[in-house]
Amino acid sequence: MQVLTVTGMTCGGCAKSVEKAVIRVAPDAGPKVDLAAGKVSFADGVDTAQVIQAIERAGFGASPA
């Protein structure tokens, strides 16, 4: 699993937006968002740079954990 730190998530709706952003890039990535920890994990083999860009387009910050 790959893990990113996500900034700006404050509610369940935010977490759902981050999850959808990852799915748009890689439908089979199986993202798991941990709102309390501010992290999202997803399958290995997915282009991390594309996921970061998608999360940023959704209005959040993202960086490798």
N, C-alpha and C. Protein backbone atom coordinates (compact mmCIF):
# COMPACT_ATOMS: atom_id res chain seq x y z
N MET A 1 0.83 -1.19 0.00
CA MET A 1 0.00 0.00 0.00
C MET A 1 0.87 1.25 0.00
N GLN A 2 0.42 2.24 -0.74
CA GLN A 2 1.05 3.55 -0.72
C GLN A 2 0.23 4.43 0.21
N VAL A 3 0.89 5.37 0.87
CA VAL A 3 0.20 6.25 1.81
C VAL A 3 0.57 7.70 1.51
N LEU A 4 -0.44 8.56 1.49
CA LEU A 4 -0.22 9.99 1.34
C LEU A 4 -0.81 10.71 2.54
N THR A 5 -0.17 11.80 2.92
CA THR A 5 -0.73 12.70 3.92
C THR A 5 -1.59 13.71 3.16
N VAL A 6 -2.81 13.91 3.64
CA VAL A 6 -3.74 14.83 2.99
C VAL A 6 -4.07 15.95 3.96
N THR A 7 -3.92 17.19 3.50
CA THR A 7 -4.25 18.33 4.34
C THR A 7 -5.55 18.96 3.85
N GLY A 8 -6.29 19.53 4.79
CA GLY A 8 -7.53 20.21 4.46
C GLY A 8 -8.78 19.38 4.63
N MET A 9 -8.64 18.10 4.99
CA MET A 9 -9.83 17.26 5.23
C MET A 9 -10.35 17.57 6.63
N THR A 10 -11.61 17.99 6.70
CA THR A 10 -12.18 18.33 8.00
C THR A 10 -13.47 17.58 8.32
N CYS A 11 -14.00 16.83 7.35
CA CYS A 11 -15.27 16.15 7.59
C CYS A 11 -15.39 14.91 6.71
N GLY A 12 -16.44 14.17 6.92
CA GLY A 12 -16.67 12.97 6.13
C GLY A 12 -16.85 13.26 4.65
N GLY A 13 -17.44 14.40 4.34
CA GLY A 13 -17.59 14.78 2.93
C GLY A 13 -16.25 15.00 2.27
N CYS A 14 -15.33 15.61 3.01
CA CYS A 14 -13.97 15.82 2.50
C CYS A 14 -13.31 14.47 2.22
N ALA A 15 -13.44 13.55 3.16
CA ALA A 15 -12.84 12.23 3.00
C ALA A 15 -13.40 11.53 1.77
N LYS A 16 -14.70 11.67 1.54
CA LYS A 16 -15.34 11.06 0.36
C LYS A 16 -14.80 11.69 -0.92
N SER A 17 -14.57 13.00 -0.90
CA SER A 17 -14.02 13.68 -2.08
C SER A 17 -12.62 13.17 -2.40
N VAL A 18 -11.81 12.95 -1.37
CA VAL A 18 -10.46 12.43 -1.57
C VAL A 18 -10.54 11.02 -2.13
N GLU A 19 -11.42 10.21 -1.56
CA GLU A 19 -11.59 8.83 -2.05
C GLU A 19 -11.97 8.83 -3.54
N LYS A 20 -12.92 9.68 -3.91
CA LYS A 20 -13.36 9.76 -5.31
C LYS A 20 -12.23 10.23 -6.22
N ALA A 21 -11.40 11.15 -5.73
CA ALA A 21 -10.28 11.64 -6.54
C ALA A 21 -9.31 10.51 -6.86
N VAL A 22 -9.03 9.66 -5.88
CA VAL A 22 -8.13 8.52 -6.12
C VAL A 22 -8.78 7.55 -7.10
N ILE A 23 -10.06 7.29 -6.94
CA ILE A 23 -10.76 6.35 -7.81
C ILE A 23 -10.79 6.85 -9.25
N ARG A 24 -10.88 8.17 -9.45
CA ARG A 24 -10.87 8.71 -10.81
C ARG A 24 -9.56 8.38 -11.52
N VAL A 25 -8.46 8.41 -10.79
CA VAL A 25 -7.15 8.11 -11.38
C VAL A 25 -6.97 6.61 -11.57
N ALA A 26 -7.39 5.85 -10.57
CA ALA A 26 -7.18 4.40 -10.60
C ALA A 26 -8.40 3.71 -9.99
N PRO A 27 -9.36 3.31 -10.82
CA PRO A 27 -10.60 2.73 -10.32
C PRO A 27 -10.43 1.50 -9.42
N ASP A 28 -9.33 0.78 -9.59
CA ASP A 28 -9.12 -0.43 -8.78
C ASP A 28 -8.13 -0.21 -7.64
N ALA A 29 -7.86 1.04 -7.27
CA ALA A 29 -6.84 1.35 -6.27
C ALA A 29 -7.27 0.99 -4.85
N GLY A 30 -8.58 0.88 -4.61
CA GLY A 30 -9.07 0.53 -3.28
C GLY A 30 -8.66 1.52 -2.21
N PRO A 31 -8.90 2.83 -2.42
CA PRO A 31 -8.45 3.81 -1.44
C PRO A 31 -9.14 3.66 -0.09
N LYS A 32 -8.38 3.91 0.95
CA LYS A 32 -8.91 3.93 2.32
C LYS A 32 -8.48 5.25 2.95
N VAL A 33 -9.45 6.06 3.32
CA VAL A 33 -9.18 7.38 3.88
C VAL A 33 -9.31 7.31 5.39
N ASP A 34 -8.30 7.82 6.09
CA ASP A 34 -8.32 7.93 7.55
C ASP A 34 -8.41 9.42 7.87
N LEU A 35 -9.63 9.88 8.10
CA LEU A 35 -9.87 11.30 8.34
C LEU A 35 -9.11 11.80 9.56
N ALA A 36 -9.16 11.05 10.65
CA ALA A 36 -8.51 11.47 11.90
C ALA A 36 -7.01 11.63 11.74
N ALA A 37 -6.39 10.73 10.97
CA ALA A 37 -4.94 10.77 10.78
C ALA A 37 -4.54 11.67 9.61
N GLY A 38 -5.52 12.05 8.78
CA GLY A 38 -5.21 12.87 7.62
C GLY A 38 -4.42 12.12 6.57
N LYS A 39 -4.79 10.86 6.33
CA LYS A 39 -4.03 10.03 5.39
C LYS A 39 -4.98 9.29 4.45
N VAL A 40 -4.45 8.95 3.29
CA VAL A 40 -5.16 8.07 2.36
C VAL A 40 -4.17 7.00 1.91
N SER A 41 -4.63 5.77 1.90
CA SER A 41 -3.79 4.67 1.41
C SER A 41 -4.48 4.07 0.19
N PHE A 42 -3.65 3.53 -0.71
CA PHE A 42 -4.17 2.93 -1.93
C PHE A 42 -3.16 1.92 -2.45
N ALA A 43 -3.57 1.13 -3.41
CA ALA A 43 -2.77 0.01 -3.91
C ALA A 43 -1.43 0.44 -4.49
N ASP A 44 -0.44 -0.42 -4.33
CA ASP A 44 0.84 -0.22 -4.99
C ASP A 44 0.63 -0.29 -6.50
N GLY A 45 1.54 0.32 -7.23
CA GLY A 45 1.47 0.28 -8.68
C GLY A 45 0.68 1.42 -9.29
N VAL A 46 0.05 2.23 -8.45
CA VAL A 46 -0.69 3.39 -8.93
C VAL A 46 0.29 4.57 -8.98
N ASP A 47 0.19 5.40 -10.01
CA ASP A 47 1.07 6.55 -10.17
C ASP A 47 0.77 7.59 -9.08
N THR A 48 1.68 7.70 -8.13
CA THR A 48 1.48 8.59 -6.98
C THR A 48 1.33 10.04 -7.42
N ALA A 49 2.11 10.47 -8.38
CA ALA A 49 2.05 11.86 -8.85
C ALA A 49 0.66 12.18 -9.40
N GLN A 50 0.06 11.24 -10.12
CA GLN A 50 -1.29 11.46 -10.66
C GLN A 50 -2.31 11.54 -9.53
N VAL A 51 -2.14 10.70 -8.51
CA VAL A 51 -3.06 10.73 -7.37
C VAL A 51 -2.95 12.07 -6.64
N ILE A 52 -1.72 12.53 -6.42
CA ILE A 52 -1.51 13.82 -5.75
C ILE A 52 -2.19 14.93 -6.55
N GLN A 53 -2.00 14.95 -7.85
CA GLN A 53 -2.63 15.97 -8.69
C GLN A 53 -4.15 15.92 -8.59
N ALA A 54 -4.71 14.72 -8.59
CA ALA A 54 -6.17 14.57 -8.50
C ALA A 54 -6.68 15.08 -7.16
N ILE A 55 -5.97 14.77 -6.09
CA ILE A 55 -6.38 15.24 -4.76
C ILE A 55 -6.28 16.76 -4.69
N GLU A 56 -5.22 17.32 -5.27
CA GLU A 56 -5.06 18.77 -5.27
C GLU A 56 -6.16 19.44 -6.10
N ARG A 57 -6.54 18.83 -7.23
CA ARG A 57 -7.64 19.37 -8.03
C ARG A 57 -8.95 19.36 -7.25
N ALA A 58 -9.08 18.41 -6.32
CA ALA A 58 -10.29 18.32 -5.49
C ALA A 58 -10.26 19.35 -4.35
N GLY A 59 -9.14 20.08 -4.22
CA GLY A 59 -9.08 21.17 -3.24
C GLY A 59 -8.32 20.87 -1.97
N PHE A 60 -7.54 19.80 -1.97
CA PHE A 60 -6.80 19.40 -0.77
C PHE A 60 -5.31 19.37 -1.08
N GLY A 61 -4.50 19.37 -0.04
CA GLY A 61 -3.07 19.19 -0.22
C GLY A 61 -2.73 17.72 -0.05
N ALA A 62 -1.69 17.27 -0.74
CA ALA A 62 -1.29 15.86 -0.63
C ALA A 62 0.21 15.75 -0.82
N SER A 63 0.82 14.87 -0.01
CA SER A 63 2.26 14.62 -0.12
C SER A 63 2.54 13.22 0.41
N PRO A 64 3.66 12.63 -0.01
CA PRO A 64 4.01 11.30 0.52
C PRO A 64 4.09 11.33 2.04
N ALA A 65 3.56 10.29 2.67
CA ALA A 65 3.56 10.22 4.14
C ALA A 65 4.93 9.85 4.66
